[in-house]
Amino acid sequence: MLQRIQTIWVFLAVLAAVFLFVTGQDVTVFGSIPVINIGSVVLVLVGLLSVFSFKNRKRQILLNHISIIINVLLIGVLAYWILNLPGGIQLPEKGIEPIFPLIAIICLLIANIYIRKDERLVKSVDRLR
């Protein structure tokens, strides 16, 4: 069911990954390897797979956990990038790239709360039968 509230939260996390892909074009961390772009594409694919696996809530929670782990790694890479830029830390100058994985993590955690709530509801209805 695509009209559930957790679907909206997962879509917001996917949207944050898309914004990270768009704004992270100038991020060079490890030479010419586009780590941020690859991570963003993987996050979008895993998020969309999570949205369309709504019949299997355990898989959906697992995919959301994988997305959270990837987002934490991207926050680490972006923090490393910000700390190694010349000129010190002046955040208005550096960009807003680290904010998008943080927003995605919060959205995925909220989505997992609602997925677990659905799982408990389904189990309680099965007990009544």
C-alpha atoms as a PDB file:
ATOM      1  CA  MET A   1       0.000   0.000   0.000  1.00  0.00           C
ATOM      2  CA  LEU A   2       1.673   3.120  -1.214  1.00  0.00           C
ATOM      3  CA  GLN A   3      -0.633   5.468   0.696  1.00  0.00           C
ATOM      4  CA  ARG A   4       0.799   4.654   4.134  1.00  0.00           C
ATOM      5  CA  ILE A   5       2.555   7.303   6.218  1.00  0.00           C
ATOM      6  CA  GLN A   6       5.869   5.419   6.268  1.00  0.00           C
ATOM      7  CA  THR A   7       5.946   5.581   2.473  1.00  0.00           C
ATOM      8  CA  ILE A   8       5.931   9.368   2.687  1.00  0.00           C
ATOM      9  CA  TRP A   9       8.858   9.299   5.131  1.00  0.00           C
ATOM     10  CA  VAL A  10      10.850   6.938   2.894  1.00  0.00           C
ATOM     11  CA  PHE A  11      10.101   9.167  -0.116  1.00  0.00           C
ATOM     12  CA  LEU A  12      11.415  12.152   1.852  1.00  0.00           C
ATOM     13  CA  ALA A  13      14.612  10.197   2.545  1.00  0.00           C
ATOM     14  CA  VAL A  14      14.906   9.387  -1.170  1.00  0.00           C
ATOM     15  CA  LEU A  15      14.349  13.055  -1.963  1.00  0.00           C
ATOM     16  CA  ALA A  16      17.158  13.980   0.441  1.00  0.00           C
ATOM     17  CA  ALA A  17      19.435  11.527  -1.407  1.00  0.00           C
ATOM     18  CA  VAL A  18      18.491  13.146  -4.715  1.00  0.00           C
ATOM     19  CA  PHE A  19      19.306  16.582  -3.292  1.00  0.00           C
ATOM     20  CA  LEU A  20      22.639  15.224  -2.049  1.00  0.00           C
ATOM     21  CA  PHE A  21      23.366  13.937  -5.557  1.00  0.00           C
ATOM     22  CA  VAL A  22      22.556  17.332  -7.072  1.00  0.00           C
ATOM     23  CA  THR A  23      24.489  19.433  -4.553  1.00  0.00           C
ATOM     24  CA  GLY A  24      27.387  17.023  -4.074  1.00  0.00           C
ATOM     25  CA  GLN A  25      28.809  17.352  -7.573  1.00  0.00           C
ATOM     26  CA  ASP A  26      31.803  19.385  -6.397  1.00  0.00           C
ATOM     27  CA  VAL A  27      32.759  17.051  -3.546  1.00  0.00           C
ATOM     28  CA  THR A  28      36.077  15.324  -4.201  1.00  0.00           C
ATOM     29  CA  VAL A  29      37.248  13.212  -1.306  1.00  0.00           C
ATOM     30  CA  PHE A  30      39.326  10.320  -2.593  1.00  0.00           C
ATOM     31  CA  GLY A  31      40.808  11.620  -5.828  1.00  0.00           C
ATOM     32  CA  SER A  32      38.517  11.239  -8.799  1.00  0.00           C
ATOM     33  CA  ILE A  33      36.224   8.568  -7.300  1.00  0.00           C
ATOM     34  CA  PRO A  34      32.688  10.023  -7.038  1.00  0.00           C
ATOM     35  CA  VAL A  35      31.904   8.544  -3.604  1.00  0.00           C
ATOM     36  CA  ILE A  36      29.023  10.915  -2.885  1.00  0.00           C
ATOM     37  CA  ASN A  37      27.380  10.321  -6.271  1.00  0.00           C
ATOM     38  CA  ILE A  38      27.654   6.532  -5.974  1.00  0.00           C
ATOM     39  CA  GLY A  39      26.316   6.634  -2.415  1.00  0.00           C
ATOM     40  CA  SER A  40      23.412   8.850  -3.457  1.00  0.00           C
ATOM     41  CA  VAL A  41      22.426   6.567  -6.331  1.00  0.00           C
ATOM     42  CA  VAL A  42      22.579   3.517  -4.042  1.00  0.00           C
ATOM     43  CA  LEU A  43      20.422   5.332  -1.478  1.00  0.00           C
ATOM     44  CA  VAL A  44      17.813   6.195  -4.099  1.00  0.00           C
ATOM     45  CA  LEU A  45      17.689   2.601  -5.353  1.00  0.00           C
ATOM     46  CA  VAL A  46      17.484   1.089  -1.864  1.00  0.00           C
ATOM     47  CA  GLY A  47      14.823   3.630  -0.868  1.00  0.00           C
ATOM     48  CA  LEU A  48      12.671   2.883  -3.891  1.00  0.00           C
ATOM     49  CA  LEU A  49      13.080  -0.852  -3.295  1.00  0.00           C
ATOM     50  CA  SER A  50      11.970  -0.261   0.298  1.00  0.00           C
ATOM     51  CA  VAL A  51       8.891   1.651  -0.836  1.00  0.00           C
ATOM     52  CA  PHE A  52       7.811  -1.064  -3.240  1.00  0.00           C
ATOM     53  CA  SER A  53       8.396  -3.938  -0.804  1.00  0.00           C
ATOM     54  CA  PHE A  54       5.456  -2.847   1.343  1.00  0.00           C
ATOM     55  CA  LYS A  55       4.089  -6.406   1.616  1.00  0.00           C
ATOM     56  CA  ASN A  56       7.230  -7.602   3.406  1.00  0.00           C
ATOM     57  CA  ARG A  57       7.646  -5.292   6.393  1.00  0.00           C
ATOM     58  CA  LYS A  58      10.727  -7.072   7.751  1.00  0.00           C
ATOM     59  CA  ARG A  59      12.535  -6.540   4.445  1.00  0.00           C
ATOM     60  CA  GLN A  60      11.399  -2.931   4.448  1.00  0.00           C
ATOM     61  CA  ILE A  61      12.889  -2.382   7.903  1.00  0.00           C
ATOM     62  CA  LEU A  62      16.115  -4.115   6.819  1.00  0.00           C
ATOM     63  CA  LEU A  63      16.409  -1.914   3.727  1.00  0.00           C
ATOM     64  CA  ASN A  64      15.810   1.176   5.862  1.00  0.00           C
ATOM     65  CA  HIS A  65      18.576   0.071   8.241  1.00  0.00           C
ATOM     66  CA  ILE A  66      20.922  -0.389   5.278  1.00  0.00           C
ATOM     67  CA  SER A  67      20.031   3.119   4.105  1.00  0.00           C
ATOM     68  CA  ILE A  68      20.718   4.502   7.576  1.00  0.00           C
ATOM     69  CA  ILE A  69      24.164   2.859   7.615  1.00  0.00           C
ATOM     70  CA  ILE A  70      25.006   4.268   4.171  1.00  0.00           C
ATOM     71  CA  ASN A  71      23.839   7.727   5.280  1.00  0.00           C
ATOM     72  CA  VAL A  72      26.035   7.569   8.392  1.00  0.00           C
ATOM     73  CA  LEU A  73      29.019   6.658   6.200  1.00  0.00           C
ATOM     74  CA  LEU A  74      28.214   9.563   3.869  1.00  0.00           C
ATOM     75  CA  ILE A  75      28.061  11.940   6.842  1.00  0.00           C
ATOM     76  CA  GLY A  76      31.528  10.731   7.835  1.00  0.00           C
ATOM     77  CA  VAL A  77      32.883  11.231   4.316  1.00  0.00           C
ATOM     78  CA  LEU A  78      31.350  14.697   4.082  1.00  0.00           C
ATOM     79  CA  ALA A  79      32.708  15.672   7.504  1.00  0.00           C
ATOM     80  CA  TYR A  80      36.164  14.525   6.375  1.00  0.00           C
ATOM     81  CA  TRP A  81      35.757  16.585   3.203  1.00  0.00           C
ATOM     82  CA  ILE A  82      34.708  19.702   5.127  1.00  0.00           C
ATOM     83  CA  LEU A  83      37.558  19.396   7.620  1.00  0.00           C
ATOM     84  CA  ASN A  84      40.171  19.005   4.862  1.00  0.00           C
ATOM     85  CA  LEU A  85      39.068  21.960   2.753  1.00  0.00           C
ATOM     86  CA  PRO A  86      41.423  24.928   2.897  1.00  0.00           C
ATOM     87  CA  GLY A  87      40.267  27.957   4.800  1.00  0.00           C
ATOM     88  CA  GLY A  88      38.965  26.330   7.972  1.00  0.00           C
ATOM     89  CA  ILE A  89      35.364  25.623   8.800  1.00  0.00           C
ATOM     90  CA  GLN A  90      33.097  28.367   7.581  1.00  0.00           C
ATOM     91  CA  LEU A  91      29.859  26.529   6.974  1.00  0.00           C
ATOM     92  CA  PRO A  92      28.041  29.131   4.864  1.00  0.00           C
ATOM     93  CA  GLU A  93      30.954  28.917   2.437  1.00  0.00           C
ATOM     94  CA  LYS A  94      31.264  25.122   2.412  1.00  0.00           C
ATOM     95  CA  GLY A  95      27.763  24.057   1.435  1.00  0.00           C
ATOM     96  CA  ILE A  96      24.912  22.115   2.938  1.00  0.00           C
ATOM     97  CA  GLU A  97      25.797  18.621   1.790  1.00  0.00           C
ATOM     98  CA  PRO A  98      26.068  17.015   5.280  1.00  0.00           C
ATOM     99  CA  ILE A  99      22.538  18.104   6.165  1.00  0.00           C
ATOM    100  CA  PHE A 100      20.854  15.858   3.577  1.00  0.00           C
ATOM    101  CA  PRO A 101      22.046  12.500   4.981  1.00  0.00           C
ATOM    102  CA  LEU A 102      21.042  13.681   8.463  1.00  0.00           C
ATOM    103  CA  ILE A 103      17.538  14.523   7.230  1.00  0.00           C
ATOM    104  CA  ALA A 104      17.361  11.125   5.518  1.00  0.00           C
ATOM    105  CA  ILE A 105      18.365   9.319   8.719  1.00  0.00           C
ATOM    106  CA  ILE A 106      15.646  11.094  10.703  1.00  0.00           C
ATOM    107  CA  CYS A 107      13.030  10.306   8.035  1.00  0.00           C
ATOM    108  CA  LEU A 108      14.048   6.637   7.902  1.00  0.00           C
ATOM    109  CA  LEU A 109      13.901   6.297  11.683  1.00  0.00           C
ATOM    110  CA  ILE A 110      10.382   7.752  11.707  1.00  0.00           C
ATOM    111  CA  ALA A 111       9.407   5.407   8.851  1.00  0.00           C
ATOM    112  CA  ASN A 112      10.711   2.419  10.840  1.00  0.00           C
ATOM    113  CA  ILE A 113       8.556   3.468  13.801  1.00  0.00           C
ATOM    114  CA  TYR A 114       5.444   3.435  11.630  1.00  0.00           C
ATOM    115  CA  ILE A 115       6.414   0.143   9.955  1.00  0.00           C
ATOM    116  CA  ARG A 116       6.792  -1.494  13.374  1.00  0.00           C
ATOM    117  CA  LYS A 117       3.435  -0.044  14.389  1.00  0.00           C
ATOM    118  CA  ASP A 118       1.849  -1.660  11.313  1.00  0.00           C
ATOM    119  CA  GLU A 119       3.570  -4.947  12.123  1.00  0.00           C
ATOM    120  CA  ARG A 120       2.155  -4.910  15.666  1.00  0.00           C
ATOM    121  CA  LEU A 121      -1.317  -4.104  14.291  1.00  0.00           C
ATOM    122  CA  VAL A 122      -1.204  -7.014  11.838  1.00  0.00           C
ATOM    123  CA  LYS A 123      -0.026  -9.398  14.566  1.00  0.00           C
ATOM    124  CA  SER A 124      -2.797  -8.291  16.907  1.00  0.00           C
ATOM    125  CA  VAL A 125      -5.428  -8.814  14.224  1.00  0.00           C
ATOM    126  CA  ASP A 126      -4.019 -12.280  13.479  1.00  0.00           C
ATOM    127  CA  ARG A 127      -4.339 -13.177  17.165  1.00  0.00           C
ATOM    128  CA  LEU A 128      -8.039 -12.274  17.113  1.00  0.00           C
ATOM    129  CA  ARG A 129      -8.824 -14.682  14.263  1.00  0.00           C
END
